[in-house]
Protein backbone atom coordinates (compact mmCIF):
# COMPACT_ATOMS: atom_id res chain seq x y z
CA MET A 1 -22.12 -1.62 -34.10
CA LEU A 2 -18.74 0.16 -34.14
CA ASN A 3 -20.46 3.54 -34.34
CA GLN A 4 -22.79 2.60 -31.47
CA PHE A 5 -19.78 1.49 -29.46
CA LEU A 6 -17.91 4.77 -30.03
CA TYR A 7 -21.04 6.79 -29.28
CA ASN A 8 -21.64 4.86 -26.03
CA VAL A 9 -18.05 5.42 -24.84
CA LYS A 10 -18.35 9.16 -25.50
CA GLU A 11 -21.94 9.63 -24.30
CA LYS A 12 -21.43 7.73 -21.02
CA GLN A 13 -17.92 9.23 -20.58
CA LEU A 14 -16.53 5.76 -19.89
CA PHE A 15 -12.94 6.81 -20.54
CA ASP A 16 -10.96 9.48 -22.32
CA VAL A 17 -9.49 8.78 -25.75
CA ASN A 18 -6.03 9.61 -24.39
CA GLN A 19 -6.25 7.04 -21.61
CA LYS A 20 -5.07 3.46 -22.00
CA VAL A 21 -7.15 0.48 -20.93
CA LEU A 22 -6.66 -3.21 -20.21
CA LEU A 23 -9.04 -5.60 -21.97
CA ALA A 24 -10.04 -8.87 -20.31
CA VAL A 25 -9.89 -11.35 -23.22
CA SER A 26 -10.93 -14.97 -22.70
CA GLY A 27 -11.03 -15.97 -26.38
CA GLY A 28 -14.83 -16.33 -26.40
CA ILE A 29 -17.09 -14.49 -28.81
CA ASP A 30 -17.88 -11.58 -26.47
CA SER A 31 -14.27 -10.69 -25.67
CA MET A 32 -13.09 -11.22 -29.26
CA VAL A 33 -15.76 -8.79 -30.52
CA LEU A 34 -14.62 -6.36 -27.80
CA LEU A 35 -11.03 -6.77 -29.02
CA HIS A 36 -12.11 -6.16 -32.63
CA LEU A 37 -13.99 -2.97 -31.66
CA PHE A 38 -10.95 -1.61 -29.81
CA GLU A 39 -8.69 -2.50 -32.72
CA LYS A 40 -10.94 -0.52 -35.09
CA SER A 41 -11.39 2.40 -32.67
CA GLY A 42 -7.75 3.45 -32.42
CA PHE A 43 -7.80 3.49 -28.60
CA GLU A 44 -4.62 2.53 -26.70
CA TYR A 45 -5.05 -0.83 -25.02
CA GLY A 46 -3.46 -4.04 -23.79
CA ILE A 47 -5.01 -7.42 -23.04
CA ALA A 48 -4.97 -9.81 -20.08
CA HIS A 49 -5.93 -13.50 -20.22
CA CYS A 50 -6.58 -15.92 -17.35
CA ASN A 51 -6.27 -19.70 -17.67
CA PHE A 52 -8.32 -21.14 -14.81
CA LYS A 53 -7.41 -24.76 -15.69
CA LEU A 54 -11.01 -25.89 -15.37
CA ARG A 55 -11.45 -27.55 -18.78
CA GLY A 56 -8.11 -29.27 -19.33
CA GLU A 57 -6.83 -29.05 -22.88
CA GLU A 58 -9.70 -26.77 -23.85
CA SER A 59 -8.49 -24.10 -21.37
CA ASP A 60 -4.95 -24.39 -22.69
CA GLY A 61 -6.32 -24.12 -26.23
CA ASP A 62 -8.05 -20.85 -25.33
CA GLU A 63 -4.74 -19.47 -24.07
CA ARG A 64 -2.88 -20.54 -27.23
CA PHE A 65 -5.58 -18.97 -29.38
CA VAL A 66 -5.42 -15.62 -27.54
CA ARG A 67 -1.60 -15.64 -27.71
CA GLU A 68 -1.80 -16.12 -31.49
CA GLN A 69 -4.28 -13.24 -31.86
CA VAL A 70 -2.10 -10.97 -29.73
CA HIS A 71 1.00 -11.90 -31.73
CA MET A 72 -0.74 -10.96 -34.98
CA HIS A 73 -1.77 -7.54 -33.69
CA GLY A 74 1.34 -6.72 -31.63
CA ILE A 75 -0.70 -5.87 -28.53
CA PRO A 76 0.87 -5.61 -25.03
CA SER A 77 -0.32 -8.77 -23.29
CA PHE A 78 -0.37 -10.51 -19.93
CA PHE A 79 -1.13 -14.18 -19.23
CA LYS A 80 -1.69 -16.00 -15.95
CA SER A 81 -2.66 -19.55 -14.96
CA PHE A 82 -4.52 -20.37 -11.74
CA GLU A 83 -5.23 -23.48 -9.69
CA THR A 84 -8.85 -22.41 -9.39
CA GLU A 85 -10.34 -25.56 -7.85
CA GLU A 86 -7.67 -25.62 -5.15
CA TYR A 87 -8.27 -21.94 -4.39
CA ALA A 88 -12.05 -22.52 -4.17
CA LYS A 89 -11.56 -25.34 -1.66
CA LEU A 90 -9.14 -23.32 0.47
CA GLU A 91 -11.49 -20.35 0.57
CA GLY A 92 -14.67 -22.41 0.89
CA ILE A 93 -16.33 -20.71 -2.08
CA SER A 94 -17.82 -21.78 -5.41
CA ILE A 95 -15.71 -22.31 -8.53
CA GLU A 96 -17.43 -19.33 -10.18
CA MET A 97 -16.68 -17.07 -7.21
CA ALA A 98 -13.08 -18.30 -7.04
CA ALA A 99 -12.52 -17.54 -10.74
CA ARG A 100 -14.05 -14.09 -10.30
CA GLU A 101 -11.83 -13.22 -7.31
CA LEU A 102 -8.68 -14.51 -8.99
CA ARG A 103 -9.18 -12.70 -12.27
CA TYR A 104 -10.11 -9.32 -10.83
CA GLU A 105 -7.22 -9.38 -8.35
CA TYR A 106 -4.89 -10.20 -11.25
CA PHE A 107 -6.36 -7.52 -13.54
CA GLU A 108 -6.03 -4.87 -10.84
CA LYS A 109 -2.42 -5.88 -10.19
CA ILE A 110 -1.60 -5.47 -13.91
CA ARG A 111 -3.52 -2.19 -14.11
CA ILE A 112 -1.49 -0.64 -11.29
CA GLU A 113 1.91 -2.04 -12.25
CA HIS A 114 1.67 -1.09 -15.93
CA GLY A 115 -0.19 2.22 -15.69
CA TYR A 116 -3.53 1.32 -17.25
CA ASP A 117 -6.41 3.65 -16.41
CA TYR A 118 -9.23 1.11 -16.61
CA ILE A 119 -10.00 -2.59 -16.86
CA VAL A 120 -12.52 -3.38 -19.61
CA THR A 121 -14.77 -6.45 -19.74
CA ALA A 122 -17.14 -7.63 -22.47
CA HIS A 123 -20.33 -7.89 -20.39
CA HIS A 124 -23.48 -7.16 -22.37
CA GLN A 125 -27.24 -6.87 -21.79
CA ASP A 126 -27.82 -10.61 -21.44
CA ASP A 127 -25.16 -10.75 -18.73
CA LEU A 128 -26.94 -7.92 -16.93
CA ILE A 129 -30.24 -9.81 -16.99
CA GLU A 130 -28.62 -13.02 -15.75
CA THR A 131 -26.87 -11.13 -12.96
CA PHE A 132 -30.19 -9.56 -11.93
CA PHE A 133 -31.78 -12.98 -11.43
CA LEU A 134 -28.72 -14.49 -9.77
CA ASN A 135 -28.58 -11.65 -7.26
CA LEU A 136 -32.30 -11.97 -6.66
CA SER A 137 -31.95 -15.70 -5.94
CA ARG A 138 -29.10 -15.06 -3.45
CA LYS A 139 -31.00 -12.43 -1.42
CA THR A 140 -30.13 -8.89 -2.45
CA GLY A 141 -31.07 -5.26 -2.04
CA ILE A 142 -31.69 -2.47 -4.51
CA LYS A 143 -28.00 -2.30 -5.43
CA GLY A 144 -27.97 -5.96 -6.51
CA MET A 145 -31.16 -5.48 -8.50
CA THR A 146 -29.59 -2.75 -10.62
CA GLY A 147 -27.31 -5.42 -12.08
CA ILE A 148 -23.98 -4.68 -13.71
CA LYS A 149 -22.79 -1.07 -13.86
CA GLU A 150 -21.21 0.42 -17.00
CA LYS A 151 -18.59 2.09 -14.86
CA ALA A 152 -17.55 1.18 -11.32
CA GLY A 153 -14.23 2.45 -10.01
CA HIS A 154 -11.53 1.31 -12.42
CA LEU A 155 -13.81 -1.21 -14.14
CA ILE A 156 -15.82 -0.36 -17.29
CA ARG A 157 -18.20 -2.41 -19.42
CA PRO A 158 -18.73 -0.59 -22.72
CA LEU A 159 -20.89 -3.32 -24.37
CA LEU A 160 -23.93 -3.02 -22.08
CA PHE A 161 -25.67 -1.18 -24.90
CA THR A 162 -25.85 -4.41 -26.93
CA SER A 163 -27.11 -7.99 -26.65
CA ARG A 164 -25.62 -11.43 -27.21
CA SER A 165 -27.55 -11.84 -30.49
CA MET A 166 -26.18 -8.54 -31.84
CA ILE A 167 -22.66 -9.60 -30.87
CA GLU A 168 -23.13 -12.89 -32.74
CA ARG A 169 -24.29 -11.07 -35.86
CA TYR A 170 -21.35 -8.65 -35.69
CA ALA A 171 -18.88 -11.52 -35.29
CA ALA A 172 -20.34 -13.33 -38.31
CA LYS A 173 -20.40 -10.20 -40.47
CA ASN A 174 -16.77 -9.35 -39.68
CA TYR A 175 -15.43 -12.93 -39.79
CA ILE A 176 -14.19 -12.70 -36.23
CA GLU A 177 -12.56 -15.88 -34.96
CA TYR A 178 -13.32 -17.02 -31.43
CA ARG A 179 -13.25 -20.08 -29.20
CA GLU A 180 -16.46 -21.84 -28.22
CA ASP A 181 -16.60 -22.73 -24.53
CA SER A 182 -18.25 -26.16 -24.35
CA SER A 183 -19.32 -25.50 -20.75
CA ASN A 184 -21.69 -22.81 -22.07
CA ASN A 185 -23.85 -25.64 -23.41
CA GLU A 186 -23.76 -27.63 -20.17
CA ILE A 187 -26.30 -26.96 -17.44
CA VAL A 188 -23.62 -27.04 -14.77
CA PHE A 189 -23.19 -23.54 -13.44
CA GLN A 190 -26.02 -21.35 -12.17
CA ARG A 191 -25.59 -18.77 -14.91
CA ASN A 192 -25.89 -21.40 -17.62
CA PHE A 193 -28.97 -22.89 -15.96
CA LEU A 194 -30.60 -19.47 -16.08
CA ARG A 195 -29.45 -18.86 -19.66
CA HIS A 196 -30.69 -22.14 -21.10
CA LYS A 197 -33.65 -23.09 -18.88
CA ILE A 198 -35.21 -20.18 -17.01
CA LEU A 199 -34.91 -17.08 -19.21
CA PRO A 200 -36.30 -18.75 -22.36
CA LEU A 201 -39.49 -19.45 -20.38
CA PHE A 202 -39.85 -15.77 -19.51
CA SER A 203 -39.43 -14.91 -23.18
CA GLU A 204 -42.19 -17.39 -24.04
CA LEU A 205 -44.42 -15.75 -21.44
CA ASN A 206 -43.72 -12.28 -22.82
CA PRO A 207 -41.72 -11.68 -26.02
CA SER A 208 -40.86 -8.20 -24.71
CA PHE A 209 -39.47 -9.66 -21.47
CA LYS A 210 -35.81 -8.66 -21.98
CA LYS A 211 -36.66 -5.16 -23.19
CA ASN A 212 -39.02 -4.58 -20.25
CA LEU A 213 -36.57 -5.94 -17.68
CA LEU A 214 -33.78 -3.68 -18.96
CA ALA A 215 -36.15 -0.70 -18.66
CA SER A 216 -37.03 -1.79 -15.11
CA VAL A 217 -33.34 -1.95 -14.21
CA GLU A 218 -32.92 1.63 -15.42
CA ASN A 219 -35.84 2.68 -13.19
CA LEU A 220 -34.21 0.88 -10.26
CA LYS A 221 -30.95 2.73 -10.94
CA ASP A 222 -32.80 6.05 -10.57
CA ALA A 223 -34.32 4.83 -7.30
CA GLU A 224 -30.88 3.69 -6.13
CA HIS A 225 -29.48 7.21 -6.56
CA VAL A 226 -32.15 8.59 -4.20
CA TYR A 227 -31.64 5.71 -1.76
CA SER A 228 -27.84 6.10 -1.78
CA ALA A 229 -27.99 9.85 -1.15
CA ALA A 230 -30.17 9.36 1.95
CA LEU A 231 -28.12 6.41 3.19
CA HIS A 232 -24.76 8.15 2.82
CA ALA A 233 -26.05 11.24 4.65
CA GLU A 234 -26.91 9.03 7.63
CA ILE A 235 -23.59 7.17 7.41
CA ALA A 236 -21.60 10.42 7.35
CA ASP A 237 -23.10 11.33 10.74
CA MET A 238 -22.00 8.11 12.46
CA ILE A 239 -18.49 7.45 11.15
CA SER A 240 -15.17 9.17 11.68
CA LYS A 241 -11.52 8.39 11.05
CA LYS A 242 -8.58 8.40 13.41
CA ASP A 243 -5.17 7.64 11.96
CA ASP A 244 -5.71 4.47 9.88
CA GLU A 245 -8.86 3.35 11.71
CA LEU A 246 -12.54 3.80 10.86
CA LEU A 247 -14.75 4.52 13.88
CA ILE A 248 -18.48 3.71 13.83
CA ASN A 249 -20.56 5.27 16.62
CA ILE A 250 -22.52 2.41 18.22
CA ALA A 251 -25.29 4.56 19.73
CA LYS A 252 -26.02 6.27 16.41
CA LEU A 253 -25.94 2.93 14.61
CA GLN A 254 -28.45 1.44 17.06
CA ASN A 255 -30.71 4.49 16.74
CA SER A 256 -30.86 4.11 12.97
CA VAL A 257 -34.12 2.69 11.63
CA PHE A 258 -32.08 0.86 9.01
CA SER A 259 -29.09 -0.21 11.12
CA LYS A 260 -28.45 -3.42 9.18
CA VAL A 261 -28.55 -1.70 5.79
CA VAL A 262 -26.31 1.08 7.07
CA LEU A 263 -23.73 -1.30 8.56
CA LEU A 264 -23.74 -3.45 5.42
CA GLU A 265 -23.07 -0.37 3.31
CA ILE A 266 -20.20 0.75 5.55
CA LEU A 267 -18.53 -2.63 5.90
CA SER A 268 -18.93 -3.88 2.32
CA GLU A 269 -16.01 -1.61 1.42
CA TYR A 270 -13.87 -3.62 3.85
CA SER A 271 -14.86 -7.08 2.50
CA PHE A 272 -17.15 -8.05 5.41
CA LYS A 273 -19.82 -10.55 4.37
CA PRO A 274 -23.54 -10.16 5.25
CA ASN A 275 -23.54 -13.05 7.74
CA VAL A 276 -20.66 -11.43 9.66
CA VAL A 277 -22.55 -8.12 9.70
CA ASP A 278 -25.49 -9.95 11.32
CA GLU A 279 -23.17 -11.25 14.04
CA ILE A 280 -21.74 -7.77 14.62
CA LEU A 281 -25.22 -6.32 15.09
CA GLN A 282 -26.06 -9.05 17.60
CA SER A 283 -22.91 -8.24 19.57
CA LEU A 284 -23.74 -4.56 20.13
CA GLU A 285 -25.38 -5.26 23.50
CA THR A 286 -22.56 -7.50 24.72
CA GLU A 287 -19.30 -6.66 26.49
CA SER A 288 -16.43 -4.91 24.74
CA GLY A 289 -13.61 -6.81 23.10
CA LYS A 290 -15.45 -8.95 20.56
CA GLN A 291 -13.58 -9.12 17.25
CA PHE A 292 -14.73 -9.93 13.72
CA TYR A 293 -12.67 -10.45 10.59
CA SER A 294 -12.94 -10.11 6.85
CA LYS A 295 -10.21 -11.14 4.42
CA THR A 296 -8.50 -7.80 4.74
CA HIS A 297 -9.76 -6.09 7.90
CA ARG A 298 -10.54 -6.54 11.56
CA LEU A 299 -13.51 -5.01 13.39
CA LEU A 300 -13.20 -4.53 17.15
CA LYS A 301 -16.22 -3.74 19.34
CA ASP A 302 -15.46 -1.30 22.13
CA ARG A 303 -17.79 0.55 24.53
CA GLU A 304 -18.81 3.41 22.26
CA HIS A 305 -17.39 2.55 18.84
CA LEU A 306 -16.73 -0.20 16.35
CA PHE A 307 -13.13 0.12 15.19
CA VAL A 308 -12.27 -1.10 11.69
CA SER A 309 -8.60 -1.46 10.82
CA GLU A 310 -6.49 -3.26 8.27
CA LYS A 311 -5.12 -6.59 9.42
CA LYS A 312 -1.41 -6.27 10.15
CA GLU A 313 1.38 -8.49 11.29
CA LYS A 314 2.05 -8.35 15.02
CA GLU A 315 4.29 -5.42 15.90
CA GLU A 316 7.59 -6.60 17.48
CA ASN A 317 9.82 -3.59 16.85
CA ILE A 318 12.00 -2.12 19.58
CA TYR A 319 13.34 1.45 19.45
CA TYR A 320 16.24 2.85 21.47
CA ILE A 321 16.97 6.24 23.02
CA GLU A 322 20.70 6.86 23.44
CA GLU A 323 22.11 9.19 26.08
CA ASP A 324 22.81 12.04 23.62
CA ASP A 325 19.52 11.76 21.64
CA MET A 326 17.35 14.87 21.60
CA GLU A 327 14.50 13.54 19.45
CA LEU A 328 13.04 10.35 18.03
CA PHE A 329 10.76 9.89 15.03
CA SER A 330 9.77 6.22 15.31
CA PRO A 331 7.46 4.75 16.46
CA MET A 332 6.23 8.29 17.24
CA ASP A 333 7.62 11.83 17.38
CA ILE A 334 9.40 12.38 20.72
CA THR A 335 11.48 15.24 22.11
CA ILE A 336 14.05 14.62 24.86
CA GLU A 337 15.46 17.26 27.20
CA LYS A 338 17.76 17.16 30.22
CA MET A 339 17.69 19.86 32.88
CA ALA A 340 18.72 20.60 36.45
CA THR A 341 15.99 20.25 39.07
CA GLU A 342 16.21 23.96 39.94
CA ASP A 343 15.13 24.75 36.36
CA PHE A 344 12.32 22.23 36.44
CA GLU A 345 8.60 22.89 36.91
CA MET A 346 6.19 19.96 37.25
CA ILE A 347 4.06 19.43 34.13
CA ARG A 348 0.72 17.67 34.41
CA ASN A 349 0.28 16.26 30.92
CA ARG A 350 -0.21 12.57 30.14
CA ASN A 351 1.98 12.95 27.05
CA VAL A 352 4.93 14.24 29.08
CA ALA A 353 7.09 12.15 31.40
CA CYS A 354 9.47 13.83 33.87
CA ILE A 355 11.93 11.29 35.23
CA ASP A 356 14.80 11.27 37.71
CA LEU A 357 17.74 11.08 35.30
CA ASP A 358 20.01 9.35 37.82
CA SER A 359 17.53 6.48 38.28
CA ILE A 360 17.70 5.23 34.67
CA GLN A 361 20.27 3.51 32.48
CA PHE A 362 20.83 4.23 28.80
CA PRO A 363 19.98 3.20 26.24
CA LEU A 364 16.31 3.45 27.10
CA LEU A 365 14.07 1.32 24.92
CA ILE A 366 10.54 1.70 23.62
CA ARG A 367 8.45 -1.40 22.94
CA LYS A 368 4.82 -2.53 22.81
CA TRP A 369 3.34 -3.87 26.05
CA LYS A 370 2.67 -7.59 26.40
CA GLN A 371 0.80 -9.88 28.76
CA GLY A 372 2.68 -10.35 32.02
CA ASP A 373 4.12 -6.81 32.10
CA TYR A 374 3.86 -5.06 35.47
CA PHE A 375 4.96 -1.73 36.97
CA GLN A 376 4.52 0.45 40.06
CA PRO A 377 2.06 3.19 39.08
CA LEU A 378 2.96 6.68 40.26
CA GLY A 379 1.64 7.19 43.80
CA MET A 380 1.50 3.47 44.64
CA THR A 381 3.90 1.36 46.70
CA GLY A 382 2.86 -1.98 45.26
CA PHE A 383 3.14 -3.43 41.78
CA LYS A 384 0.30 -3.85 39.33
CA LYS A 385 -0.13 -5.87 36.17
CA LEU A 386 -0.52 -3.65 33.13
CA SER A 387 -3.58 -5.62 32.04
CA ASP A 388 -5.27 -4.76 35.38
CA PHE A 389 -4.15 -1.14 35.13
CA PHE A 390 -5.80 -0.84 31.72
CA ILE A 391 -9.05 -2.26 33.11
CA ASP A 392 -9.02 0.07 36.13
CA GLN A 393 -8.38 3.09 33.90
CA LYS A 394 -11.13 1.97 31.47
CA ILE A 395 -8.69 2.25 28.60
CA PRO A 396 -10.38 1.15 25.31
CA ILE A 397 -9.09 -2.06 23.79
CA HIS A 398 -7.91 -0.44 20.54
CA GLU A 399 -5.94 2.14 22.58
CA LYS A 400 -4.49 -0.57 24.81
CA GLU A 401 -3.26 -2.48 21.78
CA ASN A 402 -1.40 0.61 20.57
CA THR A 403 0.22 1.40 23.91
CA TRP A 404 4.02 1.69 24.01
CA LEU A 405 6.31 1.38 27.02
CA LEU A 406 9.46 3.35 27.84
CA CYS A 407 11.84 0.98 29.65
CA SER A 408 15.16 1.12 31.45
CA GLY A 409 16.58 -2.36 31.21
CA LYS A 410 13.71 -4.68 32.14
CA LYS A 411 11.92 -2.05 34.23
CA ILE A 412 9.00 -0.03 32.87
CA VAL A 413 9.68 3.68 33.30
CA TRP A 414 6.56 5.07 31.61
CA VAL A 415 3.37 3.62 30.21
CA MET A 416 3.49 6.18 27.44
CA GLY A 417 0.51 8.50 27.35
CA HIS A 418 -0.74 7.23 30.72
CA ARG A 419 1.49 7.09 33.81
CA ILE A 420 5.13 6.86 34.89
CA ASP A 421 6.50 4.26 37.30
CA ASN A 422 6.75 5.44 40.91
CA ARG A 423 10.40 4.27 41.12
CA PHE A 424 11.49 6.90 38.58
CA LYS A 425 9.61 9.95 39.88
CA ILE A 426 11.23 13.30 40.75
CA THR A 427 11.92 13.59 44.48
CA SER A 428 13.60 16.12 46.76
CA GLN A 429 16.79 14.11 46.32
CA SER A 430 16.74 14.36 42.50
CA LYS A 431 19.49 16.44 40.89
CA GLN A 432 18.67 16.10 37.18
CA VAL A 433 15.46 15.65 35.24
CA LEU A 434 14.88 13.84 31.94
CA LYS A 435 11.83 15.27 30.20
CA ILE A 436 10.34 13.16 27.40
CA GLU A 437 7.38 14.45 25.43
CA LYS A 438 5.15 12.74 22.86
CA ILE A 439 4.43 15.29 20.13
């Protein structure tokens, strides 16, 4: 089995021999065989263990066992305990899903902080088959039917060439110690129900069931490559990026024959769940302004685009321009110039404000707009709420949210990038001009 393992790593180019990897070690037979194979291979590795506190003393016993094994081999190691049941309740998800989210977030944190190239798990062929049926029962597409991948991002599974029975034989032959998880023999979780009740019936129906299913999964993987190439070509035509935002063209999305599949593919990268994607599709014919959230991102529907951005804390920063400042770099690049009116020529550019210098007081301040703000738009004698000004100008919601104000005291001098206040305009009486330009 060691030779097969080494061949599989090299043949599938799972990682380079000079790279270091982090093994997920639970103490069960699969992960202890994985640990043994890495010990014999000479690869550089560390281990990470999660105690999910789901089986009381048994969970603590697993942790003690893994610590003892690590101590014997002198391996770099990382241990973490989780309140998994509490997390599952808070997030409204199953215990299995909670454990999965917690462990992979923890593994990735360790990988980044300690310079590991990959995270390695001990999934094997039987896990792939179980995952196939679980995904099928939960409603899936071709991606879910291809099961577990040997390599996905920074995650690799080098034991998918082997089965649970082969792992058991290898452990017995090499006297590998491991911890038996009693919950594996209980029909409590979905995976165990499949393992002990459903899959044995398929094997009775056809002794070649597992072999044939694994071959079918390989065929589906080939089909997925063709499907993905076509899908990503269509996606590339409807998305764009601006600063830190992803823009999805609504018209092109609606014209797609496979709009739901396309949107699912785009938004899965941003942690949006399928039911939320359904709601987004239903909102495409409604008014602008509807917002949807995943754990990490916000999607905002505007007139022509869906805007996807990372969720951030509300911006409350204030920036000052002193009388002798000539430039500013936050929250944007700004140049500042003073000149006499006889040297001044009017500039019609929404990113340039030309202001009567004698009408303002320093320091000027720059802040985000807020509800209740009002100003006197250039050319008007009356005041107008900023919220109404944005509506009249048909300014998109995402742009409105990122609008900054230049203020003198409590008065708005310039709605930056849009219009100055009429009270600060250049007149025939003006002697000096303050020119401020957004670069």
